[in-house]
Amino acid sequence: MFLYNLGALQGIVQTVVQRQQLIKRMEPLTKENEKLKEAVKLMEKNVQRALRERDLAESNVRDLEYQKGILPEQLKTVSEQLECTFEQLKNVFEQKKGITDQ
């Protein structure tokens, strides 16, 4: 019985020693795992920032496409108004010239 208990005790000690060795081998892996978790969090933040920047760029593209369609129409309207104003000024000038020539 004593030998049996001694053998069981030796088995327990051996198991404890093996677990301690395993824990020592796992410590660097645990630290590396923490570093990897931090790297993943940083990458996730970078992805979120990139997505926001992409959305902003897409919005800017839509705005520019809208302006591309609107600005030529506005330019045409302003040009027509300027032509009309020019004709009015020309008529006024001719009327005044006619009055001063008399």
Protein backbone atom coordinates (compact mmCIF):
# COMPACT_ATOMS: atom_id res chain seq x y z
CA MET A 1 0.00 0.00 0.00
CA PHE A 2 2.85 2.34 0.86
CA LEU A 3 4.48 1.64 -2.49
CA TYR A 4 1.20 2.22 -4.24
CA ASN A 5 0.77 5.59 -2.50
CA LEU A 6 4.39 6.43 -3.25
CA GLY A 7 3.85 5.56 -6.93
CA ALA A 8 0.65 7.63 -7.03
CA LEU A 9 2.43 10.51 -5.35
CA GLN A 10 5.28 10.29 -7.87
CA GLY A 11 2.69 10.34 -10.67
CA ILE A 12 1.07 13.42 -9.18
CA VAL A 13 4.44 15.15 -8.81
CA GLN A 14 5.34 14.27 -12.39
CA THR A 15 1.99 15.66 -13.59
CA VAL A 16 2.56 18.86 -11.60
CA VAL A 17 6.06 19.21 -13.06
CA GLN A 18 4.73 18.64 -16.59
CA ARG A 19 2.00 21.23 -16.05
CA GLN A 20 4.53 23.74 -14.75
CA GLN A 21 6.70 23.15 -17.81
CA LEU A 22 3.67 23.53 -20.05
CA ILE A 23 2.74 26.79 -18.33
CA LYS A 24 6.30 28.10 -18.79
CA ARG A 25 6.15 27.20 -22.49
CA MET A 26 2.76 28.88 -22.80
CA GLU A 27 3.79 32.19 -21.20
CA PRO A 28 5.51 33.56 -24.33
CA LEU A 29 2.57 32.38 -26.41
CA THR A 30 0.18 34.22 -24.11
CA LYS A 31 2.20 37.42 -24.50
CA GLU A 32 2.31 36.95 -28.26
CA ASN A 33 -1.44 36.36 -28.26
CA GLU A 34 -1.96 39.68 -26.44
CA LYS A 35 0.21 41.45 -29.00
CA LEU A 36 -1.78 39.88 -31.81
CA LYS A 37 -5.05 40.97 -30.19
CA GLU A 38 -3.74 44.54 -30.02
CA ALA A 39 -2.66 44.34 -33.66
CA VAL A 40 -6.11 43.08 -34.67
CA LYS A 41 -7.79 45.95 -32.78
CA LEU A 42 -5.52 48.45 -34.52
CA MET A 43 -6.26 46.88 -37.90
CA GLU A 44 -10.00 47.03 -37.18
CA LYS A 45 -9.70 50.73 -36.38
CA ASN A 46 -7.74 51.26 -39.60
CA VAL A 47 -10.39 49.40 -41.58
CA GLN A 48 -13.14 51.54 -40.02
CA ARG A 49 -11.21 54.72 -40.84
CA ALA A 50 -10.62 53.51 -44.40
CA LEU A 51 -14.33 52.77 -44.79
CA ARG A 52 -15.23 56.25 -43.56
CA GLU A 53 -12.71 57.78 -45.97
CA ARG A 54 -14.10 55.68 -48.82
CA ASP A 55 -17.65 56.78 -48.00
CA LEU A 56 -16.53 60.41 -47.91
CA ALA A 57 -14.74 60.02 -51.26
CA GLU A 58 -17.86 58.43 -52.80
CA SER A 59 -19.97 61.29 -51.46
CA ASN A 60 -17.53 63.81 -52.95
CA VAL A 61 -17.71 62.02 -56.30
CA ARG A 62 -21.52 62.20 -56.25
CA ASP A 63 -21.35 65.91 -55.40
CA LEU A 64 -18.90 66.56 -58.23
CA GLU A 65 -21.03 64.61 -60.70
CA TYR A 66 -24.07 66.66 -59.63
CA GLN A 67 -22.12 69.91 -60.01
CA LYS A 68 -20.85 68.74 -63.39
CA GLY A 69 -24.45 68.53 -64.55
CA ILE A 70 -25.65 71.74 -62.86
CA LEU A 71 -22.76 74.13 -63.53
CA PRO A 72 -22.98 74.12 -67.35
CA GLU A 73 -26.72 74.85 -67.07
CA GLN A 74 -26.01 77.72 -64.67
CA LEU A 75 -23.31 79.04 -66.99
CA LYS A 76 -25.76 78.98 -69.89
CA THR A 77 -28.36 80.89 -67.85
CA VAL A 78 -25.82 83.52 -66.73
CA SER A 79 -24.54 83.90 -70.30
CA GLU A 80 -28.10 84.49 -71.53
CA GLN A 81 -28.67 87.06 -68.77
CA LEU A 82 -25.42 88.82 -69.71
CA GLU A 83 -26.42 88.89 -73.37
CA CYS A 84 -29.78 90.37 -72.42
CA THR A 85 -28.12 92.98 -70.17
CA PHE A 86 -25.64 93.80 -72.93
CA GLU A 87 -28.48 94.35 -75.41
CA GLN A 88 -30.29 96.59 -72.92
CA LEU A 89 -27.13 98.63 -72.29
CA LYS A 90 -26.51 98.84 -76.03
CA ASN A 91 -30.03 100.16 -76.57
CA VAL A 92 -29.65 102.69 -73.76
CA PHE A 93 -26.30 103.80 -75.18
CA GLU A 94 -27.78 104.19 -78.67
CA GLN A 95 -30.73 106.17 -77.29
CA LYS A 96 -28.40 108.50 -75.39
CA LYS A 97 -26.16 108.82 -78.41
CA GLY A 98 -29.19 109.70 -80.52
CA ILE A 99 -30.26 112.34 -78.00
CA THR A 100 -26.79 113.92 -77.85
CA ASP A 101 -26.44 113.88 -81.66
CA GLN A 102 -29.60 115.97 -82.09
